[in-house]
Amino acid sequence: GWGVAGQLPWDKLVQLDAGSWFGKTFDGERLPLLAQVA
C-alpha cells in the first residue's frame, strides 16, 4: 500500500499484503489487529 495508514479504514488496510516486501515465503501476510495479537 501507500500513503498514511491512519487515513484509511480497516476494510482497506486488511486487504494489503504486509509480507511480500520481505520475501516470497510471506506473500499474503496481512496487517494484524491488536485483538489477533492478544
PDB file of all heavy atoms in Angstrom:
ATOM      1  N   GLY A   1       0.835  -1.194   0.000  1.00  0.00           N
ATOM      2  CA  GLY A   1       0.000   0.000   0.000  1.00  0.00           C
ATOM      3  C   GLY A   1       0.870   1.244   0.000  1.00  0.00           C
ATOM      4  O   GLY A   1       2.094   1.172  -0.021  1.00  0.00           O
ATOM      5  N   TRP A   2       0.225   2.389   0.035  1.00  0.00           N
ATOM      6  CA  TRP A   2       0.966   3.652   0.078  1.00  0.00           C
ATOM      7  C   TRP A   2       0.137   4.691   0.805  1.00  0.00           C
ATOM      8  O   TRP A   2      -1.071   4.542   0.981  1.00  0.00           O
ATOM      9  CB  TRP A   2       1.311   4.130  -1.336  1.00  0.00           C
ATOM     10  CG  TRP A   2       0.125   4.312  -2.235  1.00  0.00           C
ATOM     11  CD1 TRP A   2      -0.482   3.358  -2.990  1.00  0.00           C
ATOM     12  CD2 TRP A   2      -0.638   5.507  -2.420  1.00  0.00           C
ATOM     13  NE1 TRP A   2      -1.574   3.884  -3.650  1.00  0.00           N
ATOM     14  CE2 TRP A   2      -1.683   5.203  -3.325  1.00  0.00           C
ATOM     15  CE3 TRP A   2      -0.538   6.818  -1.921  1.00  0.00           C
ATOM     16  CZ2 TRP A   2      -2.627   6.149  -3.722  1.00  0.00           C
ATOM     17  CZ3 TRP A   2      -1.466   7.764  -2.324  1.00  0.00           C
ATOM     18  CH2 TRP A   2      -2.493   7.422  -3.223  1.00  0.00           C
ATOM     19  N   GLY A   3       0.794   5.751   1.253  1.00  0.00           N
ATOM     20  CA  GLY A   3       0.111   6.834   1.946  1.00  0.00           C
ATOM     21  C   GLY A   3       0.004   6.601   3.443  1.00  0.00           C
ATOM     22  O   GLY A   3       0.519   5.613   3.976  1.00  0.00           O
ATOM     23  N   VAL A   4      -0.661   7.520   4.121  1.00  0.00           N
ATOM     24  CA  VAL A   4      -0.788   7.477   5.583  1.00  0.00           C
ATOM     25  C   VAL A   4      -1.811   6.415   5.988  1.00  0.00           C
ATOM     26  O   VAL A   4      -2.989   6.504   5.631  1.00  0.00           O
ATOM     27  CB  VAL A   4      -1.200   8.863   6.126  1.00  0.00           C
ATOM     28  CG1 VAL A   4      -1.400   8.818   7.639  1.00  0.00           C
ATOM     29  CG2 VAL A   4      -0.142   9.905   5.762  1.00  0.00           C
ATOM     30  N   ALA A   5      -1.359   5.429   6.735  1.00  0.00           N
ATOM     31  CA  ALA A   5      -2.219   4.297   7.103  1.00  0.00           C
ATOM     32  C   ALA A   5      -3.422   4.739   7.912  1.00  0.00           C
ATOM     33  O   ALA A   5      -4.539   4.238   7.716  1.00  0.00           O
ATOM     34  CB  ALA A   5      -1.398   3.275   7.894  1.00  0.00           C
ATOM     35  N   GLY A   6      -3.214   5.695   8.833  1.00  0.00           N
ATOM     36  CA  GLY A   6      -4.294   6.143   9.702  1.00  0.00           C
ATOM     37  C   GLY A   6      -5.407   6.893   8.993  1.00  0.00           C
ATOM     38  O   GLY A   6      -6.443   7.176   9.589  1.00  0.00           O
ATOM     39  N   GLN A   7      -5.208   7.188   7.710  1.00  0.00           N
ATOM     40  CA  GLN A   7      -6.250   7.868   6.938  1.00  0.00           C
ATOM     41  C   GLN A   7      -7.112   6.886   6.150  1.00  0.00           C
ATOM     42  O   GLN A   7      -7.993   7.295   5.400  1.00  0.00           O
ATOM     43  CB  GLN A   7      -5.603   8.884   5.997  1.00  0.00           C
ATOM     44  CG  GLN A   7      -4.939  10.043   6.731  1.00  0.00           C
ATOM     45  CD  GLN A   7      -4.211  11.013   5.813  1.00  0.00           C
ATOM     46  OE1 GLN A   7      -4.116  10.792   4.601  1.00  0.00           O
ATOM     47  NE2 GLN A   7      -3.685  12.086   6.384  1.00  0.00           N
ATOM     48  N   LEU A   8      -6.841   5.590   6.334  1.00  0.00           N
ATOM     49  CA  LEU A   8      -7.618   4.562   5.629  1.00  0.00           C
ATOM     50  C   LEU A   8      -8.454   3.755   6.610  1.00  0.00           C
ATOM     51  O   LEU A   8      -8.023   3.492   7.735  1.00  0.00           O
ATOM     52  CB  LEU A   8      -6.681   3.607   4.881  1.00  0.00           C
ATOM     53  CG  LEU A   8      -5.925   4.177   3.678  1.00  0.00           C
ATOM     54  CD1 LEU A   8      -4.961   3.132   3.136  1.00  0.00           C
ATOM     55  CD2 LEU A   8      -6.888   4.625   2.590  1.00  0.00           C
ATOM     56  N   PRO A   9      -9.669   3.326   6.190  1.00  0.00           N
ATOM     57  CA  PRO A   9     -10.482   2.461   7.044  1.00  0.00           C
ATOM     58  C   PRO A   9      -9.917   1.039   7.065  1.00  0.00           C
ATOM     59  O   PRO A   9      -9.170   0.638   6.169  1.00  0.00           O
ATOM     60  CB  PRO A   9     -11.856   2.502   6.371  1.00  0.00           C
ATOM     61  CG  PRO A   9     -11.553   2.775   4.929  1.00  0.00           C
ATOM     62  CD  PRO A   9     -10.335   3.643   4.916  1.00  0.00           C
ATOM     63  N   TRP A  10     -10.308   0.298   8.100  1.00  0.00           N
ATOM     64  CA  TRP A  10      -9.765  -1.049   8.264  1.00  0.00           C
ATOM     65  C   TRP A  10     -10.089  -1.969   7.087  1.00  0.00           C
ATOM     66  O   TRP A  10      -9.273  -2.795   6.693  1.00  0.00           O
ATOM     67  CB  TRP A  10     -10.253  -1.663   9.579  1.00  0.00           C
ATOM     68  CG  TRP A  10      -9.748  -3.059   9.754  1.00  0.00           C
ATOM     69  CD1 TRP A  10     -10.485  -4.202   9.790  1.00  0.00           C
ATOM     70  CD2 TRP A  10      -8.384  -3.461   9.862  1.00  0.00           C
ATOM     71  NE1 TRP A  10      -9.669  -5.300   9.914  1.00  0.00           N
ATOM     72  CE2 TRP A  10      -8.362  -4.868   9.968  1.00  0.00           C
ATOM     73  CE3 TRP A  10      -7.166  -2.779   9.866  1.00  0.00           C
ATOM     74  CZ2 TRP A  10      -7.188  -5.596  10.091  1.00  0.00           C
ATOM     75  CZ3 TRP A  10      -5.987  -3.492   9.988  1.00  0.00           C
ATOM     76  CH2 TRP A  10      -6.007  -4.889  10.098  1.00  0.00           C
ATOM     77  N   ASP A  11     -11.268  -1.824   6.486  1.00  0.00           N
ATOM     78  CA  ASP A  11     -11.613  -2.734   5.380  1.00  0.00           C
ATOM     79  C   ASP A  11     -10.680  -2.569   4.182  1.00  0.00           C
ATOM     80  O   ASP A  11     -10.550  -3.484   3.357  1.00  0.00           O
ATOM     81  CB  ASP A  11     -13.091  -2.614   4.970  1.00  0.00           C
ATOM     82  CG  ASP A  11     -13.456  -1.254   4.395  1.00  0.00           C
ATOM     83  OD1 ASP A  11     -12.620  -0.335   4.422  1.00  0.00           O
ATOM     84  OD2 ASP A  11     -14.602  -1.104   3.910  1.00  0.00           O
ATOM     85  N   LYS A  12     -10.017  -1.421   4.084  1.00  0.00           N
ATOM     86  CA  LYS A  12      -8.997  -1.234   3.034  1.00  0.00           C
ATOM     87  C   LYS A  12      -7.632  -1.752   3.508  1.00  0.00           C
ATOM     88  O   LYS A  12      -6.912  -2.418   2.772  1.00  0.00           O
ATOM     89  CB  LYS A  12      -8.874   0.255   2.678  1.00  0.00           C
ATOM     90  CG  LYS A  12     -10.111   0.857   2.030  1.00  0.00           C
ATOM     91  CD  LYS A  12     -10.202   0.464   0.551  1.00  0.00           C
ATOM     92  CE  LYS A  12     -11.291   1.246  -0.154  1.00  0.00           C
ATOM     93  NZ  LYS A  12     -12.661   0.873   0.240  1.00  0.00           N
ATOM     94  N   LEU A  13      -7.302  -1.467   4.739  1.00  0.00           N
ATOM     95  CA  LEU A  13      -5.999  -1.879   5.271  1.00  0.00           C
ATOM     96  C   LEU A  13      -5.841  -3.400   5.311  1.00  0.00           C
ATOM     97  O   LEU A  13      -4.769  -3.922   5.039  1.00  0.00           O
ATOM     98  CB  LEU A  13      -5.816  -1.309   6.692  1.00  0.00           C
ATOM     99  CG  LEU A  13      -5.647   0.211   6.784  1.00  0.00           C
ATOM    100  CD1 LEU A  13      -5.830   0.683   8.217  1.00  0.00           C
ATOM    101  CD2 LEU A  13      -4.288   0.631   6.247  1.00  0.00           C
ATOM    102  N   VAL A  14      -6.934  -4.094   5.631  1.00  0.00           N
ATOM    103  CA  VAL A  14      -6.855  -5.550   5.788  1.00  0.00           C
ATOM    104  C   VAL A  14      -6.599  -6.265   4.456  1.00  0.00           C
ATOM    105  O   VAL A  14      -6.170  -7.414   4.424  1.00  0.00           O
ATOM    106  CB  VAL A  14      -8.137  -6.095   6.463  1.00  0.00           C
ATOM    107  CG1 VAL A  14      -9.317  -6.099   5.503  1.00  0.00           C
ATOM    108  CG2 VAL A  14      -7.897  -7.486   7.049  1.00  0.00           C
ATOM    109  N   GLN A  15      -6.818  -5.568   3.364  1.00  0.00           N
ATOM    110  CA  GLN A  15      -6.583  -6.177   2.048  1.00  0.00           C
ATOM    111  C   GLN A  15      -5.113  -6.122   1.620  1.00  0.00           C
ATOM    112  O   GLN A  15      -4.716  -6.777   0.649  1.00  0.00           O
ATOM    113  CB  GLN A  15      -7.434  -5.467   0.994  1.00  0.00           C
ATOM    114  CG  GLN A  15      -8.936  -5.656   1.189  1.00  0.00           C
ATOM    115  CD  GLN A  15      -9.748  -4.830   0.203  1.00  0.00           C
ATOM    116  OE1 GLN A  15      -9.412  -4.744  -0.978  1.00  0.00           O
ATOM    117  NE2 GLN A  15     -10.818  -4.216   0.688  1.00  0.00           N
ATOM    118  N   LEU A  16      -4.317  -5.340   2.316  1.00  0.00           N
ATOM    119  CA  LEU A  16      -2.921  -5.138   1.905  1.00  0.00           C
ATOM    120  C   LEU A  16      -2.054  -6.355   2.209  1.00  0.00           C
ATOM    121  O   LEU A  16      -2.315  -7.117   3.145  1.00  0.00           O
ATOM    122  CB  LEU A  16      -2.347  -3.903   2.602  1.00  0.00           C
ATOM    123  CG  LEU A  16      -3.041  -2.580   2.282  1.00  0.00           C
ATOM    124  CD1 LEU A  16      -2.447  -1.464   3.132  1.00  0.00           C
ATOM    125  CD2 LEU A  16      -2.910  -2.248   0.799  1.00  0.00           C
ATOM    126  N   ASP A  17      -1.005  -6.501   1.419  1.00  0.00           N
ATOM    127  CA  ASP A  17      -0.011  -7.550   1.623  1.00  0.00           C
ATOM    128  C   ASP A  17       1.138  -6.935   2.433  1.00  0.00           C
ATOM    129  O   ASP A  17       1.820  -6.027   1.976  1.00  0.00           O
ATOM    130  CB  ASP A  17       0.493  -8.039   0.258  1.00  0.00           C
ATOM    131  CG  ASP A  17       1.516  -9.155   0.367  1.00  0.00           C
ATOM    132  OD1 ASP A  17       2.214  -9.240   1.385  1.00  0.00           O
ATOM    133  OD2 ASP A  17       1.637  -9.932  -0.597  1.00  0.00           O
ATOM    134  N   ALA A  18       1.320  -7.449   3.650  1.00  0.00           N
ATOM    135  CA  ALA A  18       2.360  -6.914   4.532  1.00  0.00           C
ATOM    136  C   ALA A  18       3.539  -7.869   4.673  1.00  0.00           C
ATOM    137  O   ALA A  18       4.358  -7.719   5.583  1.00  0.00           O
ATOM    138  CB  ALA A  18       1.763  -6.622   5.908  1.00  0.00           C
ATOM    139  N   GLY A  19       3.627  -8.842   3.745  1.00  0.00           N
ATOM    140  CA  GLY A  19       4.695  -9.826   3.858  1.00  0.00           C
ATOM    141  C   GLY A  19       5.612  -9.940   2.664  1.00  0.00           C
ATOM    142  O   GLY A  19       6.810 -10.215   2.806  1.00  0.00           O
ATOM    143  N   SER A  20       5.083  -9.718   1.467  1.00  0.00           N
ATOM    144  CA  SER A  20       5.872  -9.997   0.256  1.00  0.00           C
ATOM    145  C   SER A  20       7.075  -9.068   0.106  1.00  0.00           C
ATOM    146  O   SER A  20       8.071  -9.431  -0.525  1.00  0.00           O
ATOM    147  CB  SER A  20       4.991  -9.936  -0.996  1.00  0.00           C
ATOM    148  OG  SER A  20       4.402  -8.667  -1.122  1.00  0.00           O
ATOM    149  N   TRP A  21       7.026  -7.872   0.687  1.00  0.00           N
ATOM    150  CA  TRP A  21       8.188  -6.971   0.637  1.00  0.00           C
ATOM    151  C   TRP A  21       9.404  -7.616   1.286  1.00  0.00           C
ATOM    152  O   TRP A  21      10.545  -7.345   0.918  1.00  0.00           O
ATOM    153  CB  TRP A  21       7.878  -5.639   1.343  1.00  0.00           C
ATOM    154  CG  TRP A  21       7.693  -5.778   2.832  1.00  0.00           C
ATOM    155  CD1 TRP A  21       6.533  -6.074   3.494  1.00  0.00           C
ATOM    156  CD2 TRP A  21       8.702  -5.643   3.842  1.00  0.00           C
ATOM    157  NE1 TRP A  21       6.742  -6.130   4.841  1.00  0.00           N
ATOM    158  CE2 TRP A  21       8.064  -5.868   5.088  1.00  0.00           C
ATOM    159  CE3 TRP A  21      10.065  -5.357   3.827  1.00  0.00           C
ATOM    160  CZ2 TRP A  21       8.751  -5.820   6.308  1.00  0.00           C
ATOM    161  CZ3 TRP A  21      10.753  -5.311   5.044  1.00  0.00           C
ATOM    162  CH2 TRP A  21      10.094  -5.537   6.261  1.00  0.00           C
ATOM    163  N   PHE A  22       9.144  -8.518   2.247  1.00  0.00           N
ATOM    164  CA  PHE A  22      10.228  -9.152   2.998  1.00  0.00           C
ATOM    165  C   PHE A  22      10.759 -10.392   2.276  1.00  0.00           C
ATOM    166  O   PHE A  22      11.962 -10.639   2.263  1.00  0.00           O
ATOM    167  CB  PHE A  22       9.715  -9.531   4.396  1.00  0.00           C
ATOM    168  CG  PHE A  22      10.793 -10.031   5.309  1.00  0.00           C
ATOM    169  CD1 PHE A  22      11.489  -9.146   6.119  1.00  0.00           C
ATOM    170  CD2 PHE A  22      11.114 -11.382   5.369  1.00  0.00           C
ATOM    171  CE1 PHE A  22      12.494  -9.602   6.969  1.00  0.00           C
ATOM    172  CE2 PHE A  22      12.116 -11.842   6.198  1.00  0.00           C
ATOM    173  CZ  PHE A  22      12.818 -10.947   7.001  1.00  0.00           C
ATOM    174  N   GLY A  23       9.840 -11.138   1.670  1.00  0.00           N
ATOM    175  CA  GLY A  23      10.244 -12.354   0.962  1.00  0.00           C
ATOM    176  C   GLY A  23       9.037 -13.150   0.508  1.00  0.00           C
ATOM    177  O   GLY A  23       7.956 -13.039   1.102  1.00  0.00           O
ATOM    178  N   LYS A  24       9.220 -13.961  -0.527  1.00  0.00           N
ATOM    179  CA  LYS A  24       8.101 -14.705  -1.126  1.00  0.00           C
ATOM    180  C   LYS A  24       7.421 -15.640  -0.135  1.00  0.00           C
ATOM    181  O   LYS A  24       6.220 -15.896  -0.234  1.00  0.00           O
ATOM    182  CB  LYS A  24       8.585 -15.495  -2.342  1.00  0.00           C
ATOM    183  CG  LYS A  24       8.782 -14.635  -3.586  1.00  0.00           C
ATOM    184  CD  LYS A  24       8.891 -15.478  -4.833  1.00  0.00           C
ATOM    185  CE  LYS A  24       7.590 -16.147  -5.230  1.00  0.00           C
ATOM    186  NZ  LYS A  24       6.515 -15.173  -5.554  1.00  0.00           N
ATOM    187  N   THR A  25       8.194 -16.144   0.823  1.00  0.00           N
ATOM    188  CA  THR A  25       7.623 -17.045   1.837  1.00  0.00           C
ATOM    189  C   THR A  25       6.466 -16.405   2.573  1.00  0.00           C
ATOM    190  O   THR A  25       5.580 -17.101   3.080  1.00  0.00           O
ATOM    191  CB  THR A  25       8.705 -17.400   2.884  1.00  0.00           C
ATOM    192  OG1 THR A  25       9.932 -17.637   2.210  1.00  0.00           O
ATOM    193  CG2 THR A  25       8.326 -18.593   3.714  1.00  0.00           C
ATOM    194  N   PHE A  26       6.470 -15.086   2.638  1.00  0.00           N
ATOM    195  CA  PHE A  26       5.474 -14.370   3.437  1.00  0.00           C
ATOM    196  C   PHE A  26       4.420 -13.671   2.588  1.00  0.00           C
ATOM    197  O   PHE A  26       3.701 -12.793   3.081  1.00  0.00           O
ATOM    198  CB  PHE A  26       6.173 -13.360   4.347  1.00  0.00           C
ATOM    199  CG  PHE A  26       7.124 -13.994   5.325  1.00  0.00           C
ATOM    200  CD1 PHE A  26       8.489 -14.014   5.074  1.00  0.00           C
ATOM    201  CD2 PHE A  26       6.656 -14.591   6.483  1.00  0.00           C
ATOM    202  CE1 PHE A  26       9.373 -14.599   5.970  1.00  0.00           C
ATOM    203  CE2 PHE A  26       7.528 -15.184   7.390  1.00  0.00           C
ATOM    204  CZ  PHE A  26       8.887 -15.187   7.128  1.00  0.00           C
ATOM    205  N   ASP A  27       4.313 -14.064   1.305  1.00  0.00           N
ATOM    206  CA  ASP A  27       3.284 -13.493   0.422  1.00  0.00           C
ATOM    207  C   ASP A  27       1.910 -13.590   1.078  1.00  0.00           C
ATOM    208  O   ASP A  27       1.529 -14.650   1.595  1.00  0.00           O
ATOM    209  CB  ASP A  27       3.232 -14.261  -0.910  1.00  0.00           C
ATOM    210  CG  ASP A  27       4.311 -13.790  -1.887  1.00  0.00           C
ATOM    211  OD1 ASP A  27       5.100 -12.918  -1.494  1.00  0.00           O
ATOM    212  OD2 ASP A  27       4.354 -14.305  -3.014  1.00  0.00           O
ATOM    213  N   GLY A  28       1.160 -12.495   1.045  1.00  0.00           N
ATOM    214  CA  GLY A  28      -0.220 -12.534   1.529  1.00  0.00           C
ATOM    215  C   GLY A  28      -0.375 -12.322   3.018  1.00  0.00           C
ATOM    216  O   GLY A  28      -1.504 -12.327   3.533  1.00  0.00           O
ATOM    217  N   GLU A  29       0.735 -12.124   3.729  1.00  0.00           N
ATOM    218  CA  GLU A  29       0.645 -11.841   5.171  1.00  0.00           C
ATOM    219  C   GLU A  29      -0.079 -10.503   5.357  1.00  0.00           C
ATOM    220  O   GLU A  29       0.188  -9.538   4.647  1.00  0.00           O
ATOM    221  CB  GLU A  29       2.050 -11.790   5.766  1.00  0.00           C
ATOM    222  CG  GLU A  29       2.097 -11.740   7.264  1.00  0.00           C
ATOM    223  CD  GLU A  29       1.624 -13.015   7.947  1.00  0.00           C
ATOM    224  OE1 GLU A  29       1.709 -14.103   7.329  1.00  0.00           O
ATOM    225  OE2 GLU A  29       1.161 -12.907   9.097  1.00  0.00           O
ATOM    226  N   ARG A  30      -1.004 -10.462   6.306  1.00  0.00           N
ATOM    227  CA  ARG A  30      -1.828  -9.260   6.494  1.00  0.00           C
ATOM    228  C   ARG A  30      -1.367  -8.426   7.683  1.00  0.00           C
ATOM    229  O   ARG A  30      -0.690  -8.921   8.583  1.00  0.00           O
ATOM    230  CB  ARG A  30      -3.296  -9.658   6.715  1.00  0.00           C
ATOM    231  CG  ARG A  30      -3.903 -10.479   5.588  1.00  0.00           C
ATOM    232  CD  ARG A  30      -3.938  -9.697   4.293  1.00  0.00           C
ATOM    233  NE  ARG A  30      -4.401 -10.528   3.185  1.00  0.00           N
ATOM    234  CZ  ARG A  30      -4.213 -10.237   1.902  1.00  0.00           C
ATOM    235  NH1 ARG A  30      -3.566  -9.136   1.559  1.00  0.00           N
ATOM    236  NH2 ARG A  30      -4.659 -11.029   0.958  1.00  0.00           N
ATOM    237  N   LEU A  31      -1.781  -7.165   7.689  1.00  0.00           N
ATOM    238  CA  LEU A  31      -1.627  -6.340   8.891  1.00  0.00           C
ATOM    239  C   LEU A  31      -2.546  -6.925   9.963  1.00  0.00           C
ATOM    240  O   LEU A  31      -3.731  -7.117   9.701  1.00  0.00           O
ATOM    241  CB  LEU A  31      -2.043  -4.891   8.606  1.00  0.00           C
ATOM    242  CG  LEU A  31      -1.233  -4.114   7.572  1.00  0.00           C
ATOM    243  CD1 LEU A  31      -1.964  -2.828   7.212  1.00  0.00           C
ATOM    244  CD2 LEU A  31       0.157  -3.805   8.092  1.00  0.00           C
ATOM    245  N   PRO A  32      -2.036  -7.208  11.149  1.00  0.00           N
ATOM    246  CA  PRO A  32      -2.911  -7.803  12.164  1.00  0.00           C
ATOM    247  C   PRO A  32      -3.569  -6.774  13.074  1.00  0.00           C
ATOM    248  O   PRO A  32      -3.040  -5.688  13.317  1.00  0.00           O
ATOM    249  CB  PRO A  32      -1.932  -8.665  12.979  1.00  0.00           C
ATOM    250  CG  PRO A  32      -0.611  -7.990  12.845  1.00  0.00           C
ATOM    251  CD  PRO A  32      -0.615  -7.235  11.546  1.00  0.00           C
ATOM    252  N   LEU A  33      -4.727  -7.127  13.573  1.00  0.00           N
ATOM    253  CA  LEU A  33      -5.403  -6.342  14.603  1.00  0.00           C
ATOM    254  C   LEU A  33      -4.795  -6.643  15.966  1.00  0.00           C
ATOM    255  O   LEU A  33      -4.292  -7.754  16.204  1.00  0.00           O
ATOM    256  CB  LEU A  33      -6.893  -6.695  14.644  1.00  0.00           C
ATOM    257  CG  LEU A  33      -7.750  -6.223  13.471  1.00  0.00           C
ATOM    258  CD1 LEU A  33      -9.117  -6.902  13.522  1.00  0.00           C
ATOM    259  CD2 LEU A  33      -7.908  -4.700  13.488  1.00  0.00           C
ATOM    260  N   LEU A  34      -4.877  -5.694  16.876  1.00  0.00           N
ATOM    261  CA  LEU A  34      -4.371  -5.915  18.230  1.00  0.00           C
ATOM    262  C   LEU A  34      -5.055  -7.118  18.881  1.00  0.00           C
ATOM    263  O   LEU A  34      -4.414  -7.877  19.614  1.00  0.00           O
ATOM    264  CB  LEU A  34      -4.598  -4.658  19.083  1.00  0.00           C
ATOM    265  CG  LEU A  34      -3.974  -4.689  20.477  1.00  0.00           C
ATOM    266  CD1 LEU A  34      -2.452  -4.703  20.414  1.00  0.00           C
ATOM    267  CD2 LEU A  34      -4.457  -3.495  21.312  1.00  0.00           C
ATOM    268  N   ALA A  35      -6.331  -7.308  18.605  1.00  0.00           N
ATOM    269  CA  ALA A  35      -7.056  -8.447  19.177  1.00  0.00           C
ATOM    270  C   ALA A  35      -6.460  -9.778  18.712  1.00  0.00           C
ATOM    271  O   ALA A  35      -6.364 -10.740  19.487  1.00  0.00           O
ATOM    272  CB  ALA A  35      -8.533  -8.375  18.800  1.00  0.00           C
ATOM    273  N   GLN A  36      -6.051  -9.848  17.441  1.00  0.00           N
ATOM    274  CA  GLN A  36      -5.413 -11.068  16.926  1.00  0.00           C
ATOM    275  C   GLN A  36      -4.067 -11.309  17.607  1.00  0.00           C
ATOM    276  O   GLN A  36      -3.692 -12.445  17.894  1.00  0.00           O
ATOM    277  CB  GLN A  36      -5.218 -10.951  15.413  1.00  0.00           C
ATOM    278  CG  GLN A  36      -6.509 -10.915  14.610  1.00  0.00           C
ATOM    279  CD  GLN A  36      -6.230 -10.659  13.138  1.00  0.00           C
ATOM    280  OE1 GLN A  36      -5.716  -9.600  12.758  1.00  0.00           O
ATOM    281  NE2 GLN A  36      -6.550 -11.643  12.305  1.00  0.00           N
ATOM    282  N   VAL A  37      -3.353 -10.235  17.860  1.00  0.00           N
ATOM    283  CA  VAL A  37      -2.050 -10.343  18.516  1.00  0.00           C
ATOM    284  C   VAL A  37      -2.219 -10.819  19.957  1.00  0.00           C
ATOM    285  O   VAL A  37      -1.451 -11.654  20.445  1.00  0.00           O
ATOM    286  CB  VAL A  37      -1.298  -9.001  18.451  1.00  0.00           C
ATOM    287  CG1 VAL A  37      -0.010  -9.056  19.248  1.00  0.00           C
ATOM    288  CG2 VAL A  37      -1.013  -8.639  17.002  1.00  0.00           C
ATOM    289  N   ALA A  38      -3.233 -10.311  20.634  1.00  0.00           N
ATOM    290  CA  ALA A  38      -3.512 -10.769  22.006  1.00  0.00           C
ATOM    291  C   ALA A  38      -3.786 -12.265  22.025  1.00  0.00           C
ATOM    292  O   ALA A  38      -3.319 -12.993  22.915  1.00  0.00           O
ATOM    293  CB  ALA A  38      -4.695  -9.995  22.583  1.00  0.00           C
TER     294      ALA A  38
END
